[in-house]
Amino acid sequence: MRPLEGVKVIELSTMLAGPMTSRILAEWGADVIKVESPNGDTWRKQAGTSLSPCTEVANPHFDEQNINKRFVCLNMRTEEGMKAFHKLLSTADVFLTNYRVQALKGMGLTYEQLKDQYPGLIHASVLGYGSEGPEKDRPGYDYTAFCSRSGFLGDLAPAGGPPLMTVAGVGDHSVAVALAAGISAALYKKSKTGAGEKVDVSLLQAGIFMLTTGLLNAFNGRVFPRDHYDCSHATSNAYKCADGEWIYLAVIDYRRFPELCEVIERPELAKDPRFSTITKFYTKESRKDLTTIFDETFKKHSVEYWHKLLDEHDLPHEPVRHMKDVPYDPQVVANHYTYFHEYSDGVKTVFTNGPVHFSSIDPAHIPCKTSGKIGCDTGEVLKENGYTEEEVKKMQEAGEVI
């Protein structure tokens, strides 16, 4: 039995953070029913932004956030469509949404509006800027509320350059992991008390949490953004190698500094007065000087040369890899962090598995049910909730469901 088997989740969300949250829950065993409007989730039509193929059968750009769900299409602007939605809620453990609060209020679907009607329901929300404050109703996106507002784009880019060029989903997927954990905690409470709960995570909140150490550093006077020479210490920095690739050195423990110097054939550095004590080693001038020396040292050989040498001596480091290579990384493959999938029309893609492993779930055989068309499971789900074949057909003809 998978950890969330028997849990029913009704998802009313679009784009990334909400859908990825419920995708994680589905991997953990939950029955996730994604409810879309007749127009469908906006993300279905965004494949071009990722250069991803999109055919009648295959839409990996959309499926990445929506694997292992069932898809229902309700026209919730109609009385019968909304009635059907409430039937789904009446059987659910979790209602997951990233609709803005003012939109939910107009639909009668805020936590306050639902808590008495469904006292055991967990109401889980993705927010942009939080539930309080003057900006709580602003539209929030990964690029804005998480990446821009938190300092992620501005302060993690090298000093003197433009803001960091990020990729879609860094903030959304951070929110998804946090919200999946929050929902799981609420489900535990429900198992003990029978009571529902309100759970929310905002993009701004997740961004601030992810940058906890940076905020502490800034509070204590560190100036961001930084350049290559304004590092925490020279043995925790990236260095360009002879082949143009980079290696990240992470020999954090000063006690191993002499050993590192021996390994890279610069033993004299450990006795250099600028670096010979831990106090001197951490001065701004010494960090800059040693970084400059290491720049010249690591330029002498390829990244794989240094990788092999440092590995032989168990000195912490990692070649700076590229996303295109990650799915083929032997360590990634061995742990089933990604996998390849081929659609029935021959389109091939790579998918990621979720961020947690359980002994009850074989990571090599996690199901991969892709999306299908809008409303592909509507009839099946409505019949499970008491509708007859005739009633479903009538609703379809009236445009109340698809």
Protein backbone atom coordinates (compact mmCIF):
# COMPACT_ATOMS: atom_id res chain seq x y z
CA MET A 1 0.00 0.00 0.00
CA ARG A 2 1.32 3.40 -1.00
CA PRO A 3 1.35 6.10 1.73
CA LEU A 4 -1.65 8.11 0.43
CA GLU A 5 -3.71 5.28 -1.02
CA GLY A 6 -7.40 5.88 -0.29
CA VAL A 7 -7.00 9.68 -0.21
CA LYS A 8 -9.09 11.59 -2.74
CA VAL A 9 -7.89 14.97 -4.01
CA ILE A 10 -9.97 17.39 -6.07
CA GLU A 11 -7.67 19.77 -7.94
CA LEU A 12 -8.85 23.09 -9.35
CA SER A 13 -5.62 24.67 -10.50
CA THR A 14 -3.62 25.66 -13.54
CA MET A 15 -0.02 26.14 -14.66
CA LEU A 16 2.63 24.67 -12.35
CA ALA A 17 2.60 24.94 -8.55
CA GLY A 18 -0.89 23.55 -7.86
CA PRO A 19 -0.74 20.82 -10.51
CA MET A 20 2.73 19.69 -9.43
CA THR A 21 1.57 19.48 -5.81
CA SER A 22 -1.20 17.05 -6.71
CA ARG A 23 1.08 15.18 -9.10
CA ILE A 24 3.33 14.45 -6.12
CA LEU A 25 0.30 13.33 -4.09
CA ALA A 26 -0.76 11.06 -6.96
CA GLU A 27 2.67 9.45 -7.02
CA TRP A 28 2.27 8.80 -3.30
CA GLY A 29 -0.98 6.96 -4.00
CA ALA A 30 -3.76 9.57 -3.87
CA ASP A 31 -6.65 9.51 -6.35
CA VAL A 32 -6.31 12.96 -7.94
CA ILE A 33 -9.21 14.30 -9.97
CA LYS A 34 -8.21 17.40 -11.90
CA VAL A 35 -11.16 19.63 -12.77
CA GLU A 36 -10.73 21.90 -15.79
CA SER A 37 -12.97 24.46 -17.43
CA PRO A 38 -13.99 23.91 -21.07
CA ASN A 39 -10.97 26.02 -22.05
CA GLY A 40 -8.63 23.68 -20.17
CA ASP A 41 -5.57 24.38 -18.07
CA THR A 42 -3.57 27.21 -19.69
CA TRP A 43 -0.43 25.09 -19.43
CA ARG A 44 -1.80 22.68 -22.06
CA LYS A 45 -1.05 25.33 -24.68
CA GLN A 46 2.38 26.48 -23.52
CA ALA A 47 4.55 23.73 -25.02
CA GLY A 48 6.41 26.17 -27.26
CA THR A 49 8.02 27.85 -24.27
CA SER A 50 10.00 24.68 -23.51
CA LEU A 51 10.58 23.57 -27.14
CA SER A 52 8.53 20.51 -26.18
CA PRO A 53 6.61 18.56 -28.86
CA CYS A 54 2.82 18.77 -28.73
CA THR A 55 0.60 16.43 -30.74
CA GLU A 56 -2.93 15.05 -30.50
CA VAL A 57 -1.53 12.31 -28.26
CA ALA A 58 1.61 13.70 -26.66
CA ASN A 59 1.97 16.82 -24.52
CA PRO A 60 4.95 16.19 -22.22
CA HIS A 61 5.18 19.88 -21.24
CA PHE A 62 1.70 19.58 -19.68
CA ASP A 63 2.06 16.00 -18.51
CA GLU A 64 5.17 16.74 -16.45
CA GLN A 65 2.90 18.47 -13.94
CA ASN A 66 -0.10 16.19 -14.39
CA ILE A 67 0.94 12.53 -14.51
CA ASN A 68 -1.33 9.93 -12.88
CA LYS A 69 -4.44 12.08 -12.55
CA ARG A 70 -7.98 11.73 -13.85
CA PHE A 71 -9.34 14.61 -15.90
CA VAL A 72 -12.83 16.01 -15.53
CA CYS A 73 -14.22 19.01 -17.39
CA LEU A 74 -17.04 20.95 -15.71
CA ASN A 75 -18.59 24.21 -16.83
CA MET A 76 -18.80 25.72 -13.38
CA ARG A 77 -20.58 28.79 -14.74
CA THR A 78 -23.66 26.59 -15.00
CA GLU A 79 -25.79 25.40 -12.09
CA GLU A 80 -25.36 21.74 -12.96
CA GLY A 81 -21.61 22.10 -13.44
CA MET A 82 -21.22 23.65 -10.00
CA LYS A 83 -23.54 21.06 -8.50
CA ALA A 84 -21.34 18.31 -9.94
CA PHE A 85 -18.26 19.98 -8.48
CA HIS A 86 -19.82 20.00 -5.03
CA LYS A 87 -20.63 16.31 -5.38
CA LEU A 88 -16.94 15.72 -5.95
CA LEU A 89 -16.03 17.83 -2.93
CA SER A 90 -18.45 15.90 -0.75
CA THR A 91 -16.41 12.73 -1.28
CA ALA A 92 -12.97 14.35 -1.12
CA ASP A 93 -10.28 14.55 1.54
CA VAL A 94 -8.43 17.44 -0.07
CA PHE A 95 -9.46 20.41 -2.21
CA LEU A 96 -6.35 21.83 -3.88
CA THR A 97 -6.43 25.13 -5.75
CA ASN A 98 -4.25 27.98 -6.95
CA TYR A 99 -7.16 30.21 -7.93
CA ARG A 100 -6.89 33.68 -6.44
CA VAL A 101 -8.95 34.22 -3.31
CA GLN A 102 -11.24 36.78 -4.92
CA ALA A 103 -12.07 34.29 -7.70
CA LEU A 104 -12.75 31.52 -5.19
CA LYS A 105 -14.97 33.86 -3.20
CA GLY A 106 -17.12 34.57 -6.24
CA MET A 107 -17.51 30.81 -6.75
CA GLY A 108 -18.28 30.13 -3.09
CA LEU A 109 -15.14 28.03 -2.72
CA THR A 110 -12.99 29.77 -0.11
CA TYR A 111 -12.07 27.94 3.08
CA GLU A 112 -14.47 30.08 5.10
CA GLN A 113 -17.31 29.34 2.69
CA LEU A 114 -16.72 25.58 2.68
CA LYS A 115 -15.54 24.67 6.18
CA ASP A 116 -19.00 24.21 7.74
CA GLN A 117 -20.42 22.37 4.73
CA TYR A 118 -17.43 20.00 4.55
CA PRO A 119 -15.88 19.92 8.05
CA GLY A 120 -13.47 17.13 7.18
CA LEU A 121 -12.15 18.76 4.01
CA ILE A 122 -8.54 19.94 3.80
CA HIS A 123 -8.52 23.21 1.86
CA ALA A 124 -5.05 23.64 0.30
CA SER A 125 -4.06 26.78 -1.60
CA VAL A 126 -1.15 28.12 -3.56
CA LEU A 127 -0.90 31.87 -3.01
CA GLY A 128 1.23 34.53 -4.65
CA TYR A 129 2.11 36.92 -1.84
CA GLY A 130 0.37 35.44 1.19
CA SER A 131 -3.07 35.71 2.76
CA GLU A 132 -2.46 39.03 4.54
CA GLY A 133 -1.06 42.45 3.71
CA PRO A 134 -1.75 45.10 1.07
CA GLU A 135 -0.56 42.90 -1.83
CA LYS A 136 -2.41 39.70 -0.97
CA ASP A 137 -4.66 39.99 -4.03
CA ARG A 138 -1.92 40.68 -6.59
CA PRO A 139 -1.34 38.03 -9.25
CA GLY A 140 1.75 36.04 -8.32
CA TYR A 141 3.92 33.94 -10.60
CA ASP A 142 7.10 31.92 -10.22
CA TYR A 143 9.17 34.57 -12.01
CA THR A 144 7.72 37.44 -9.99
CA ALA A 145 6.66 36.52 -6.45
CA PHE A 146 9.29 33.80 -5.94
CA CYS A 147 12.23 34.69 -8.16
CA SER A 148 12.12 38.48 -8.32
CA ARG A 149 10.67 39.51 -4.96
CA SER A 150 12.78 37.18 -2.80
CA GLY A 151 16.18 38.30 -4.11
CA PHE A 152 16.76 35.06 -6.00
CA LEU A 153 17.17 36.73 -9.42
CA GLY A 154 18.95 39.87 -8.32
CA ASP A 155 21.34 38.63 -5.67
CA LEU A 156 22.37 35.20 -6.97
CA ALA A 157 23.51 36.55 -10.33
CA PRO A 158 27.19 37.58 -10.63
CA ALA A 159 27.80 41.19 -9.64
CA GLY A 160 27.81 43.62 -12.53
CA GLY A 161 25.60 41.54 -14.80
CA PRO A 162 21.87 41.29 -15.46
CA PRO A 163 19.56 39.32 -13.15
CA LEU A 164 19.91 35.55 -13.16
CA MET A 165 18.21 33.82 -16.10
CA THR A 166 16.11 31.18 -14.38
CA VAL A 167 13.88 28.41 -15.77
CA ALA A 168 10.15 27.97 -15.30
CA GLY A 169 9.10 26.06 -12.22
CA VAL A 170 11.95 26.60 -9.78
CA GLY A 171 9.65 28.48 -7.42
CA ASP A 172 6.50 26.59 -8.37
CA HIS A 173 8.08 23.24 -7.65
CA SER A 174 9.51 24.49 -4.36
CA VAL A 175 5.97 25.46 -3.39
CA ALA A 176 4.70 22.04 -4.53
CA VAL A 177 7.09 20.14 -2.26
CA ALA A 178 6.17 22.35 0.71
CA LEU A 179 2.42 22.18 0.08
CA ALA A 180 2.50 18.40 -0.41
CA ALA A 181 4.18 18.14 2.99
CA GLY A 182 1.61 20.48 4.55
CA ILE A 183 -1.27 18.49 3.11
CA SER A 184 0.26 15.28 4.43
CA ALA A 185 0.49 16.79 7.91
CA ALA A 186 -3.16 17.91 7.68
CA LEU A 187 -4.17 14.41 6.60
CA TYR A 188 -2.45 13.01 9.70
CA LYS A 189 -4.42 15.45 11.86
CA LYS A 190 -7.61 14.41 10.08
CA SER A 191 -6.85 10.73 10.74
CA LYS A 192 -6.70 11.53 14.47
CA THR A 193 -9.53 14.06 14.81
CA GLY A 194 -11.68 13.84 11.67
CA ALA A 195 -11.31 17.61 11.29
CA GLY A 196 -10.28 19.38 8.13
CA GLU A 197 -7.67 22.11 7.92
CA LYS A 198 -6.64 25.17 5.94
CA VAL A 199 -3.17 24.84 4.39
CA ASP A 200 -1.49 27.40 2.18
CA VAL A 201 1.96 28.16 0.80
CA SER A 202 2.80 31.33 -1.09
CA LEU A 203 5.44 31.75 -3.76
CA LEU A 204 6.98 34.63 -1.81
CA GLN A 205 7.01 32.51 1.36
CA ALA A 206 8.78 29.63 -0.37
CA GLY A 207 11.33 31.98 -1.94
CA ILE A 208 12.18 33.53 1.41
CA PHE A 209 12.49 30.10 3.03
CA MET A 210 14.77 28.78 0.28
CA LEU A 211 17.04 31.82 0.73
CA THR A 212 17.15 31.57 4.54
CA THR A 213 20.96 31.58 4.69
CA GLY A 214 21.23 34.43 2.21
CA LEU A 215 18.82 36.58 4.21
CA LEU A 216 20.82 35.92 7.36
CA ASN A 217 24.04 36.83 5.56
CA ALA A 218 22.53 40.05 4.17
CA PHE A 219 21.17 40.95 7.60
CA ASN A 220 24.68 40.68 8.98
CA GLY A 221 26.21 42.92 6.33
CA ARG A 222 27.15 40.74 3.36
CA VAL A 223 26.66 42.71 0.16
CA PHE A 224 24.86 41.00 -2.73
CA PRO A 225 25.22 40.33 -5.61
CA ARG A 226 28.80 39.06 -5.36
CA ASP A 227 31.48 38.30 -7.90
CA HIS A 228 33.80 35.32 -8.21
CA TYR A 229 36.37 36.84 -5.82
CA ASP A 230 33.93 37.82 -3.09
CA CYS A 231 33.35 34.21 -2.06
CA SER A 232 32.71 32.81 1.40
CA HIS A 233 36.12 31.18 1.12
CA ALA A 234 38.29 30.16 -1.80
CA THR A 235 37.94 26.44 -1.13
CA SER A 236 34.17 26.79 -1.68
CA ASN A 237 34.07 28.31 -5.14
CA ALA A 238 33.81 27.41 -8.83
CA TYR A 239 36.89 27.20 -11.05
CA LYS A 240 37.21 27.04 -14.82
CA CYS A 241 39.26 24.14 -16.15
CA ALA A 242 41.40 23.68 -19.27
CA ASP A 243 38.50 22.37 -21.36
CA GLY A 244 36.29 25.36 -20.58
CA GLU A 245 34.13 23.43 -18.10
CA TRP A 246 33.85 24.35 -14.42
CA ILE A 247 34.33 22.47 -11.19
CA TYR A 248 32.89 23.44 -7.81
CA LEU A 249 35.30 22.94 -4.96
CA ALA A 250 33.64 22.42 -1.57
CA VAL A 251 36.44 21.69 0.90
CA ILE A 252 34.64 23.50 3.71
CA ASP A 253 36.75 22.14 6.59
CA TYR A 254 39.88 24.27 6.95
CA ARG A 255 41.67 21.31 8.55
CA ARG A 256 41.75 19.68 5.11
CA PHE A 257 43.30 22.70 3.42
CA PRO A 258 46.89 21.38 3.65
CA GLU A 259 45.74 18.06 2.16
CA LEU A 260 44.03 19.85 -0.71
CA CYS A 261 47.19 21.83 -1.39
CA GLU A 262 49.21 18.62 -1.58
CA VAL A 263 46.73 16.98 -3.95
CA ILE A 264 46.70 19.88 -6.42
CA GLU A 265 50.51 20.09 -6.20
CA ARG A 266 50.59 23.44 -4.46
CA PRO A 267 51.85 22.37 -0.98
CA GLU A 268 53.47 25.74 -0.36
CA LEU A 269 50.06 27.41 -0.10
CA ALA A 270 49.33 25.79 3.26
CA LYS A 271 52.41 27.52 4.72
CA ASP A 272 51.82 30.85 3.01
CA PRO A 273 51.36 33.51 5.75
CA ARG A 274 48.20 34.72 4.01
CA PHE A 275 46.48 31.36 4.48
CA SER A 276 48.38 29.57 7.27
CA THR A 277 45.83 30.24 10.03
CA ILE A 278 42.08 30.03 9.90
CA THR A 279 41.74 33.69 10.88
CA LYS A 280 43.98 34.86 8.04
CA PHE A 281 42.39 32.38 5.62
CA TYR A 282 38.98 34.06 5.95
CA THR A 283 40.03 37.67 5.43
CA LYS A 284 38.66 39.36 2.33
CA GLU A 285 42.14 39.89 0.91
CA SER A 286 43.17 36.27 1.45
CA ARG A 287 39.99 34.92 -0.12
CA LYS A 288 40.60 37.02 -3.21
CA ASP A 289 44.28 36.10 -3.41
CA LEU A 290 43.70 32.36 -3.02
CA THR A 291 40.85 32.41 -5.56
CA THR A 292 43.19 34.05 -8.06
CA ILE A 293 45.81 31.37 -7.42
CA PHE A 294 43.25 28.58 -7.77
CA ASP A 295 42.02 30.13 -11.03
CA GLU A 296 45.46 29.60 -12.52
CA THR A 297 45.91 26.16 -10.94
CA PHE A 298 42.66 24.63 -12.18
CA LYS A 299 43.20 26.00 -15.71
CA LYS A 300 46.04 23.52 -16.14
CA HIS A 301 43.87 20.41 -16.54
CA SER A 302 40.42 19.32 -17.69
CA VAL A 303 37.43 19.05 -15.40
CA GLU A 304 37.52 15.25 -15.59
CA TYR A 305 41.17 15.22 -14.55
CA TRP A 306 40.39 17.23 -11.44
CA HIS A 307 37.23 15.22 -10.78
CA LYS A 308 39.17 11.94 -10.78
CA LEU A 309 42.02 13.32 -8.69
CA LEU A 310 39.82 14.91 -6.04
CA ASP A 311 37.60 11.83 -5.89
CA GLU A 312 40.62 9.63 -5.22
CA HIS A 313 41.31 11.71 -2.13
CA ASP A 314 37.68 12.02 -1.05
CA LEU A 315 37.81 15.80 -1.27
CA PRO A 316 34.31 17.28 -1.69
CA HIS A 317 33.69 18.79 -5.12
CA GLU A 318 31.48 18.39 -8.19
CA PRO A 319 31.88 19.17 -11.87
CA VAL A 320 29.35 21.81 -12.88
CA ARG A 321 27.09 19.74 -15.13
CA HIS A 322 24.47 20.74 -17.71
CA MET A 323 20.74 20.00 -17.65
CA LYS A 324 20.91 18.27 -21.04
CA ASP A 325 23.20 15.62 -19.51
CA VAL A 326 21.31 15.00 -16.27
CA PRO A 327 18.89 12.28 -17.55
CA TYR A 328 21.92 10.20 -18.64
CA ASP A 329 23.90 10.66 -15.41
CA PRO A 330 24.58 7.12 -14.08
CA GLN A 331 23.78 8.19 -10.51
CA VAL A 332 20.48 9.73 -11.61
CA VAL A 333 19.63 6.62 -13.60
CA ALA A 334 20.54 4.25 -10.75
CA ASN A 335 18.18 6.06 -8.37
CA HIS A 336 15.36 6.53 -10.91
CA TYR A 337 15.27 10.29 -10.44
CA THR A 338 14.29 10.63 -14.10
CA TYR A 339 12.94 8.22 -16.70
CA PHE A 340 12.21 8.13 -20.41
CA HIS A 341 8.69 7.74 -21.78
CA GLU A 342 7.41 7.07 -25.29
CA TYR A 343 3.86 8.03 -26.27
CA SER A 344 1.75 5.83 -28.51
CA ASP A 345 2.46 8.12 -31.48
CA GLY A 346 6.22 7.75 -31.05
CA VAL A 347 6.98 11.06 -29.31
CA LYS A 348 9.72 10.53 -26.72
CA THR A 349 10.35 12.58 -23.61
CA VAL A 350 12.07 12.58 -20.26
CA PHE A 351 10.10 12.93 -17.02
CA THR A 352 11.24 13.44 -13.44
CA ASN A 353 10.00 11.30 -10.59
CA GLY A 354 8.85 12.96 -7.37
CA PRO A 355 11.29 14.25 -4.72
CA VAL A 356 10.73 11.48 -2.13
CA HIS A 357 11.33 7.73 -2.09
CA PHE A 358 9.27 5.30 0.03
CA SER A 359 9.89 1.63 0.69
CA SER A 360 6.30 0.97 -0.40
CA ILE A 361 6.81 2.52 -3.85
CA ASP A 362 9.26 1.00 -6.31
CA PRO A 363 10.85 4.04 -8.00
CA ALA A 364 11.61 1.91 -11.05
CA HIS A 365 7.92 1.18 -11.63
CA ILE A 366 6.00 4.34 -10.72
CA PRO A 367 2.93 4.51 -13.01
CA CYS A 368 2.97 7.04 -15.84
CA LYS A 369 -0.64 7.75 -16.86
CA THR A 370 -0.50 10.76 -19.16
CA SER A 371 -3.24 13.32 -19.57
CA GLY A 372 -5.33 12.69 -22.65
CA LYS A 373 -7.82 15.27 -23.87
CA ILE A 374 -9.78 17.74 -21.73
CA GLY A 375 -12.50 15.86 -19.88
CA CYS A 376 -11.30 12.39 -20.90
CA ASP A 377 -12.41 10.90 -17.56
CA THR A 378 -15.53 13.02 -16.92
CA GLY A 379 -18.06 10.25 -17.56
CA GLU A 380 -16.25 7.70 -15.42
CA VAL A 381 -15.84 10.06 -12.47
CA LEU A 382 -19.41 11.40 -12.57
CA LYS A 383 -20.82 7.86 -12.66
CA GLU A 384 -18.73 7.01 -9.59
CA ASN A 385 -20.48 9.93 -7.90
CA GLY A 386 -24.02 8.77 -8.62
CA TYR A 387 -24.75 10.09 -12.11
CA THR A 388 -26.32 7.76 -14.65
CA GLU A 389 -25.11 7.33 -18.21
CA GLU A 390 -28.19 9.22 -19.40
CA GLU A 391 -27.61 12.12 -17.01
CA VAL A 392 -24.00 12.46 -18.09
CA LYS A 393 -25.00 12.47 -21.75
CA LYS A 394 -27.64 15.12 -21.10
CA MET A 395 -25.10 17.32 -19.29
CA GLN A 396 -22.66 16.94 -22.16
CA GLU A 397 -25.30 17.95 -24.69
CA ALA A 398 -26.17 21.02 -22.59
CA GLY A 399 -22.50 22.10 -22.40
CA GLU A 400 -22.42 21.64 -18.63
CA VAL A 401 -19.60 19.12 -18.83
CA ILE A 402 -17.23 17.79 -21.46
